[in-house]
Amino acid sequence: MPETAVTNDAYQVRVVGRMEGQETNNVLHFVCASSDDDVLTHLILVLAQCIIDHLLPVLSSSWALEKIVWKKVSPTLGPEIVSIPVGAAAGAGNAAALPSYCSVVLSIHTALGGRSHRGRMFIPGIPENTTLNSSLDTTNAMWAAIVAFAACLVTNFVIGDPPGAHAWSMCVYSRKIGGSHFPYAGTGFTAMKGIEPHALLGTTRSRKVGRGS
């Protein structure tokens, strides 16, 4: 049977890739804004399609999307589910990539101020030929693809008022507010209002080879 969700159920979604023999992770959070009879179809596969359509054509072939791992984390803890979307594969960009700890940074904005209500997403697998010094070359197709990916997230996961059917809100989660142990408190989630790509490259130290994911 499909996984179902009711309004205010929150899910943690982990986008798992592989680069230079080690795992990379992007941990995202979503809250159901209207009851959903199929979380896989209306959340996980929609997110996957944003990645497959916009990022895989330009990311380095040294990075591959392997799977998406997801579970309900509020108000109760659900089982971990592993999904391998159709189209998950290595990037189609140049194999010569920046080091594994270099990332494209996207800032996640909410309607509230303070560090607890801001988030970031770090995209790995940057081809060397898409950069100029410490930044993405904004005349390159890579930059256009990052902008399109951000727009895809906004289109699908910034909800209207009232929300439509099967609506999901991408959120920033604060462990300071909602706690660091499962299940999370619902007060820790703040809905995303926009996501901003940055041309200046970032560093994700946990992705250094030998340190982990």
C-alpha atoms as a PDB file:
ATOM      1  CA  MET A   1       0.000   0.000   0.000  1.00  0.00           C
ATOM      2  CA  PRO A   2       1.203   3.557  -0.672  1.00  0.00           C
ATOM      3  CA  GLU A   3       2.548   5.629   2.216  1.00  0.00           C
ATOM      4  CA  THR A   4      -0.091   8.171   3.245  1.00  0.00           C
ATOM      5  CA  ALA A   5       0.166  11.434   5.161  1.00  0.00           C
ATOM      6  CA  VAL A   6      -2.222  13.798   6.911  1.00  0.00           C
ATOM      7  CA  THR A   7      -1.952  17.551   7.319  1.00  0.00           C
ATOM      8  CA  ASN A   8       1.102  18.583   9.401  1.00  0.00           C
ATOM      9  CA  ASP A   9       2.895  15.260   9.042  1.00  0.00           C
ATOM     10  CA  ALA A  10       6.587  16.073   8.532  1.00  0.00           C
ATOM     11  CA  TYR A  11       9.112  14.028   6.544  1.00  0.00           C
ATOM     12  CA  GLN A  12      12.872  13.980   6.380  1.00  0.00           C
ATOM     13  CA  VAL A  13      14.127  13.297   2.859  1.00  0.00           C
ATOM     14  CA  ARG A  14      17.758  12.393   2.222  1.00  0.00           C
ATOM     15  CA  VAL A  15      19.078  12.717  -1.337  1.00  0.00           C
ATOM     16  CA  VAL A  16      21.948  10.231  -1.514  1.00  0.00           C
ATOM     17  CA  GLY A  17      24.678  10.417  -4.129  1.00  0.00           C
ATOM     18  CA  ARG A  18      28.193   9.073  -4.559  1.00  0.00           C
ATOM     19  CA  MET A  19      31.408  10.849  -5.495  1.00  0.00           C
ATOM     20  CA  GLU A  20      34.989   9.603  -5.321  1.00  0.00           C
ATOM     21  CA  GLY A  21      33.812   6.410  -3.653  1.00  0.00           C
ATOM     22  CA  GLN A  22      31.967   8.017  -0.754  1.00  0.00           C
ATOM     23  CA  GLU A  23      28.385   8.947  -0.016  1.00  0.00           C
ATOM     24  CA  THR A  24      27.050  12.484  -0.297  1.00  0.00           C
ATOM     25  CA  ASN A  25      23.851  13.552   1.453  1.00  0.00           C
ATOM     26  CA  ASN A  26      21.433  16.433   1.171  1.00  0.00           C
ATOM     27  CA  VAL A  27      18.959  16.307   4.063  1.00  0.00           C
ATOM     28  CA  LEU A  28      15.702  18.148   3.348  1.00  0.00           C
ATOM     29  CA  HIS A  29      12.455  18.510   5.305  1.00  0.00           C
ATOM     30  CA  PHE A  30       8.866  18.722   4.104  1.00  0.00           C
ATOM     31  CA  VAL A  31       5.515  19.179   5.841  1.00  0.00           C
ATOM     32  CA  CYS A  32       2.220  17.944   4.395  1.00  0.00           C
ATOM     33  CA  ALA A  33      -0.109  20.907   3.840  1.00  0.00           C
ATOM     34  CA  SER A  34      -3.110  18.823   2.767  1.00  0.00           C
ATOM     35  CA  SER A  35      -3.694  15.123   3.212  1.00  0.00           C
ATOM     36  CA  ASP A  36      -1.882  12.912   0.710  1.00  0.00           C
ATOM     37  CA  ASP A  37      -2.778   9.367  -0.275  1.00  0.00           C
ATOM     38  CA  ASP A  38       0.591   8.678  -1.928  1.00  0.00           C
ATOM     39  CA  VAL A  39       3.700  10.360  -0.491  1.00  0.00           C
ATOM     40  CA  LEU A  40       6.022   8.618  -2.934  1.00  0.00           C
ATOM     41  CA  THR A  41       4.220   9.998  -5.986  1.00  0.00           C
ATOM     42  CA  HIS A  42       3.443  13.507  -4.796  1.00  0.00           C
ATOM     43  CA  LEU A  43       6.586  14.310  -2.799  1.00  0.00           C
ATOM     44  CA  ILE A  44       9.526  11.981  -3.412  1.00  0.00           C
ATOM     45  CA  LEU A  45       9.180  11.523  -7.167  1.00  0.00           C
ATOM     46  CA  VAL A  46       8.424  15.220  -7.703  1.00  0.00           C
ATOM     47  CA  LEU A  47      11.618  16.160  -5.861  1.00  0.00           C
ATOM     48  CA  ALA A  48      13.546  13.503  -7.783  1.00  0.00           C
ATOM     49  CA  GLN A  49      12.304  14.870 -11.098  1.00  0.00           C
ATOM     50  CA  CYS A  50      13.586  18.348 -10.238  1.00  0.00           C
ATOM     51  CA  ILE A  51      17.032  16.800  -9.700  1.00  0.00           C
ATOM     52  CA  ILE A  52      16.925  14.539 -12.759  1.00  0.00           C
ATOM     53  CA  ASP A  53      15.603  17.193 -15.135  1.00  0.00           C
ATOM     54  CA  HIS A  54      17.745  20.136 -14.061  1.00  0.00           C
ATOM     55  CA  LEU A  55      20.879  18.932 -12.228  1.00  0.00           C
ATOM     56  CA  LEU A  56      21.898  15.600 -13.756  1.00  0.00           C
ATOM     57  CA  PRO A  57      22.420  17.025 -17.268  1.00  0.00           C
ATOM     58  CA  VAL A  58      25.071  19.465 -15.969  1.00  0.00           C
ATOM     59  CA  LEU A  59      26.661  17.892 -12.875  1.00  0.00           C
ATOM     60  CA  SER A  60      29.961  16.056 -13.300  1.00  0.00           C
ATOM     61  CA  SER A  61      29.872  12.395 -14.288  1.00  0.00           C
ATOM     62  CA  SER A  62      32.072  11.818 -11.223  1.00  0.00           C
ATOM     63  CA  TRP A  63      28.919  12.278  -9.112  1.00  0.00           C
ATOM     64  CA  ALA A  64      25.872  10.020  -9.311  1.00  0.00           C
ATOM     65  CA  LEU A  65      22.391  10.153  -7.788  1.00  0.00           C
ATOM     66  CA  GLU A  66      21.923   6.755  -6.116  1.00  0.00           C
ATOM     67  CA  LYS A  67      18.693   6.856  -4.121  1.00  0.00           C
ATOM     68  CA  ILE A  68      16.332   8.868  -1.963  1.00  0.00           C
ATOM     69  CA  VAL A  69      15.835   7.770   1.647  1.00  0.00           C
ATOM     70  CA  TRP A  70      12.806   9.147   3.472  1.00  0.00           C
ATOM     71  CA  LYS A  71      10.708   8.761   6.607  1.00  0.00           C
ATOM     72  CA  LYS A  72       8.071  10.494   8.689  1.00  0.00           C
ATOM     73  CA  VAL A  73       9.677  12.339  11.601  1.00  0.00           C
ATOM     74  CA  SER A  74       6.724  14.219  13.160  1.00  0.00           C
ATOM     75  CA  PRO A  75       4.396  13.894  15.027  1.00  0.00           C
ATOM     76  CA  THR A  76       5.460  10.224  15.177  1.00  0.00           C
ATOM     77  CA  LEU A  77       8.453   8.399  13.728  1.00  0.00           C
ATOM     78  CA  GLY A  78       7.825   6.207  10.722  1.00  0.00           C
ATOM     79  CA  PRO A  79       9.922   3.512   9.034  1.00  0.00           C
ATOM     80  CA  GLU A  80      12.768   4.479   6.702  1.00  0.00           C
ATOM     81  CA  ILE A  81      11.912   3.941   3.031  1.00  0.00           C
ATOM     82  CA  VAL A  82      14.427   3.719   0.184  1.00  0.00           C
ATOM     83  CA  SER A  83      13.401   4.770  -3.329  1.00  0.00           C
ATOM     84  CA  ILE A  84      15.479   4.602  -6.519  1.00  0.00           C
ATOM     85  CA  PRO A  85      13.772   6.936  -9.000  1.00  0.00           C
ATOM     86  CA  VAL A  86      13.686   6.102 -12.684  1.00  0.00           C
ATOM     87  CA  GLY A  87      16.433   8.219 -14.246  1.00  0.00           C
ATOM     88  CA  ALA A  88      18.765   8.155 -11.242  1.00  0.00           C
ATOM     89  CA  ALA A  89      22.271   8.030 -12.734  1.00  0.00           C
ATOM     90  CA  ALA A  90      25.597   9.787 -12.993  1.00  0.00           C
ATOM     91  CA  GLY A  91      25.741  13.377 -14.106  1.00  0.00           C
ATOM     92  CA  ALA A  92      26.216  14.106 -17.787  1.00  0.00           C
ATOM     93  CA  GLY A  93      28.748  16.893 -17.310  1.00  0.00           C
ATOM     94  CA  ASN A  94      32.533  16.875 -17.633  1.00  0.00           C
ATOM     95  CA  ALA A  95      34.229  14.129 -15.604  1.00  0.00           C
ATOM     96  CA  ALA A  96      36.896  16.571 -14.395  1.00  0.00           C
ATOM     97  CA  ALA A  97      35.236  17.922 -11.239  1.00  0.00           C
ATOM     98  CA  LEU A  98      36.196  20.216  -8.404  1.00  0.00           C
ATOM     99  CA  PRO A  99      37.155  18.427  -5.156  1.00  0.00           C
ATOM    100  CA  SER A 100      34.363  16.576  -3.367  1.00  0.00           C
ATOM    101  CA  TYR A 101      34.133  19.265  -0.652  1.00  0.00           C
ATOM    102  CA  CYS A 102      33.309  22.069  -3.125  1.00  0.00           C
ATOM    103  CA  SER A 103      29.587  22.806  -3.453  1.00  0.00           C
ATOM    104  CA  VAL A 104      27.064  25.092  -5.076  1.00  0.00           C
ATOM    105  CA  VAL A 105      25.199  26.837  -2.235  1.00  0.00           C
ATOM    106  CA  LEU A 106      21.466  27.569  -2.220  1.00  0.00           C
ATOM    107  CA  SER A 107      20.028  29.622   0.655  1.00  0.00           C
ATOM    108  CA  ILE A 108      16.577  28.596   1.878  1.00  0.00           C
ATOM    109  CA  HIS A 109      14.513  31.591   3.020  1.00  0.00           C
ATOM    110  CA  THR A 110      11.416  31.635   5.227  1.00  0.00           C
ATOM    111  CA  ALA A 111       9.074  34.413   6.353  1.00  0.00           C
ATOM    112  CA  LEU A 112      10.770  34.579   9.772  1.00  0.00           C
ATOM    113  CA  GLY A 113      14.087  36.075  10.826  1.00  0.00           C
ATOM    114  CA  GLY A 114      16.923  34.536  12.806  1.00  0.00           C
ATOM    115  CA  ARG A 115      19.335  31.680  12.230  1.00  0.00           C
ATOM    116  CA  SER A 116      16.782  29.080  13.324  1.00  0.00           C
ATOM    117  CA  HIS A 117      14.613  29.992  10.342  1.00  0.00           C
ATOM    118  CA  ARG A 118      17.257  29.903   7.614  1.00  0.00           C
ATOM    119  CA  GLY A 119      18.706  26.921   5.814  1.00  0.00           C
ATOM    120  CA  ARG A 120      21.127  25.976   3.069  1.00  0.00           C
ATOM    121  CA  MET A 121      21.490  23.254   0.479  1.00  0.00           C
ATOM    122  CA  PHE A 122      24.898  22.181  -0.854  1.00  0.00           C
ATOM    123  CA  ILE A 123      25.062  20.656  -4.361  1.00  0.00           C
ATOM    124  CA  PRO A 124      28.128  18.441  -5.075  1.00  0.00           C
ATOM    125  CA  GLY A 125      29.713  17.357  -8.348  1.00  0.00           C
ATOM    126  CA  ILE A 126      30.727  20.664  -9.947  1.00  0.00           C
ATOM    127  CA  PRO A 127      32.546  20.318 -13.293  1.00  0.00           C
ATOM    128  CA  GLU A 128      35.769  22.313 -13.397  1.00  0.00           C
ATOM    129  CA  ASN A 129      34.875  23.842 -16.757  1.00  0.00           C
ATOM    130  CA  THR A 130      31.758  25.546 -15.318  1.00  0.00           C
ATOM    131  CA  THR A 131      33.694  27.761 -12.888  1.00  0.00           C
ATOM    132  CA  LEU A 132      35.725  30.948 -12.895  1.00  0.00           C
ATOM    133  CA  ASN A 133      38.138  31.067  -9.965  1.00  0.00           C
ATOM    134  CA  SER A 134      35.968  30.642  -6.825  1.00  0.00           C
ATOM    135  CA  SER A 135      32.566  31.092  -8.527  1.00  0.00           C
ATOM    136  CA  LEU A 136      30.297  29.470 -11.035  1.00  0.00           C
ATOM    137  CA  ASP A 137      30.553  31.003 -14.488  1.00  0.00           C
ATOM    138  CA  THR A 138      27.122  32.629 -14.775  1.00  0.00           C
ATOM    139  CA  THR A 139      27.345  32.501 -18.576  1.00  0.00           C
ATOM    140  CA  ASN A 140      27.621  28.691 -18.430  1.00  0.00           C
ATOM    141  CA  ALA A 141      24.680  26.282 -18.694  1.00  0.00           C
ATOM    142  CA  MET A 142      25.481  25.051 -15.172  1.00  0.00           C
ATOM    143  CA  TRP A 143      24.336  28.339 -13.640  1.00  0.00           C
ATOM    144  CA  ALA A 144      21.112  28.334 -15.670  1.00  0.00           C
ATOM    145  CA  ALA A 145      20.437  24.773 -14.517  1.00  0.00           C
ATOM    146  CA  ILE A 146      20.949  25.666 -10.844  1.00  0.00           C
ATOM    147  CA  VAL A 147      18.509  28.573 -11.220  1.00  0.00           C
ATOM    148  CA  ALA A 148      15.996  26.268 -12.927  1.00  0.00           C
ATOM    149  CA  PHE A 149      16.369  23.689 -10.150  1.00  0.00           C
ATOM    150  CA  ALA A 150      15.669  26.348  -7.514  1.00  0.00           C
ATOM    151  CA  ALA A 151      12.610  27.465  -9.493  1.00  0.00           C
ATOM    152  CA  CYS A 152      11.389  23.851  -9.643  1.00  0.00           C
ATOM    153  CA  LEU A 153      11.551  23.592  -5.846  1.00  0.00           C
ATOM    154  CA  VAL A 154       9.650  26.847  -5.430  1.00  0.00           C
ATOM    155  CA  THR A 155       6.997  25.855  -7.976  1.00  0.00           C
ATOM    156  CA  ASN A 156       6.331  22.511  -6.315  1.00  0.00           C
ATOM    157  CA  PHE A 157       7.001  23.146  -2.638  1.00  0.00           C
ATOM    158  CA  VAL A 158       6.021  26.731  -1.821  1.00  0.00           C
ATOM    159  CA  ILE A 159       2.322  26.333  -1.192  1.00  0.00           C
ATOM    160  CA  GLY A 160      -0.538  28.725  -1.820  1.00  0.00           C
ATOM    161  CA  ASP A 161      -3.350  29.778   0.484  1.00  0.00           C
ATOM    162  CA  PRO A 162      -5.390  27.651   0.533  1.00  0.00           C
ATOM    163  CA  PRO A 163      -3.083  24.784  -0.451  1.00  0.00           C
ATOM    164  CA  GLY A 164      -4.083  22.546  -3.313  1.00  0.00           C
ATOM    165  CA  ALA A 165      -4.553  18.784  -3.161  1.00  0.00           C
ATOM    166  CA  HIS A 166      -1.520  16.701  -2.162  1.00  0.00           C
ATOM    167  CA  ALA A 167       0.412  19.879  -1.284  1.00  0.00           C
ATOM    168  CA  TRP A 168       3.830  19.753   0.377  1.00  0.00           C
ATOM    169  CA  SER A 169       5.804  22.596   1.892  1.00  0.00           C
ATOM    170  CA  MET A 170       9.590  22.473   1.878  1.00  0.00           C
ATOM    171  CA  CYS A 171      10.779  23.601   5.306  1.00  0.00           C
ATOM    172  CA  VAL A 172      13.743  24.615   7.390  1.00  0.00           C
ATOM    173  CA  TYR A 173      14.047  22.473  10.503  1.00  0.00           C
ATOM    174  CA  SER A 174      15.599  23.878  13.688  1.00  0.00           C
ATOM    175  CA  ARG A 175      16.944  21.341  16.179  1.00  0.00           C
ATOM    176  CA  LYS A 176      17.199  24.182  18.688  1.00  0.00           C
ATOM    177  CA  ILE A 177      13.411  24.631  18.578  1.00  0.00           C
ATOM    178  CA  GLY A 178      12.097  21.175  17.704  1.00  0.00           C
ATOM    179  CA  GLY A 179      14.703  18.962  19.323  1.00  0.00           C
ATOM    180  CA  SER A 180      17.493  16.778  17.987  1.00  0.00           C
ATOM    181  CA  HIS A 181      15.902  13.383  18.637  1.00  0.00           C
ATOM    182  CA  PHE A 182      13.128  11.629  16.724  1.00  0.00           C
ATOM    183  CA  PRO A 183      10.247  12.212  16.617  1.00  0.00           C
ATOM    184  CA  TYR A 184      10.699  15.922  15.997  1.00  0.00           C
ATOM    185  CA  ALA A 185       8.344  18.548  17.449  1.00  0.00           C
ATOM    186  CA  GLY A 186       6.212  20.275  14.836  1.00  0.00           C
ATOM    187  CA  THR A 187       7.261  23.687  16.158  1.00  0.00           C
ATOM    188  CA  GLY A 188      10.727  23.163  14.669  1.00  0.00           C
ATOM    189  CA  PHE A 189       9.536  23.419  11.048  1.00  0.00           C
ATOM    190  CA  THR A 190       9.298  26.740   9.181  1.00  0.00           C
ATOM    191  CA  ALA A 191       7.933  26.833   5.627  1.00  0.00           C
ATOM    192  CA  MET A 192      10.202  27.898   2.800  1.00  0.00           C
ATOM    193  CA  LYS A 193       9.200  31.068   0.977  1.00  0.00           C
ATOM    194  CA  GLY A 194      12.057  31.138  -1.522  1.00  0.00           C
ATOM    195  CA  ILE A 195      15.431  29.632  -2.386  1.00  0.00           C
ATOM    196  CA  GLU A 196      18.398  31.638  -3.630  1.00  0.00           C
ATOM    197  CA  PRO A 197      21.323  30.165  -5.615  1.00  0.00           C
ATOM    198  CA  HIS A 198      24.771  31.687  -5.094  1.00  0.00           C
ATOM    199  CA  ALA A 199      27.455  31.867  -7.757  1.00  0.00           C
ATOM    200  CA  LEU A 200      30.203  31.950  -5.115  1.00  0.00           C
ATOM    201  CA  LEU A 201      31.177  28.372  -4.308  1.00  0.00           C
ATOM    202  CA  GLY A 202      30.965  26.921  -0.805  1.00  0.00           C
ATOM    203  CA  THR A 203      32.826  24.289   1.197  1.00  0.00           C
ATOM    204  CA  THR A 204      31.281  21.165   2.714  1.00  0.00           C
ATOM    205  CA  ARG A 205      34.053  19.808   4.918  1.00  0.00           C
ATOM    206  CA  SER A 206      32.216  16.593   5.767  1.00  0.00           C
ATOM    207  CA  ARG A 207      32.532  15.575   2.096  1.00  0.00           C
ATOM    208  CA  LYS A 208      36.320  15.515   2.111  1.00  0.00           C
ATOM    209  CA  VAL A 209      37.528  12.118   0.974  1.00  0.00           C
ATOM    210  CA  GLY A 210      38.066   9.916   4.007  1.00  0.00           C
ATOM    211  CA  ARG A 211      35.890  11.986   6.345  1.00  0.00           C
ATOM    212  CA  GLY A 212      32.500  10.551   5.450  1.00  0.00           C
ATOM    213  CA  SER A 213      29.530  11.895   3.490  1.00  0.00           C
END
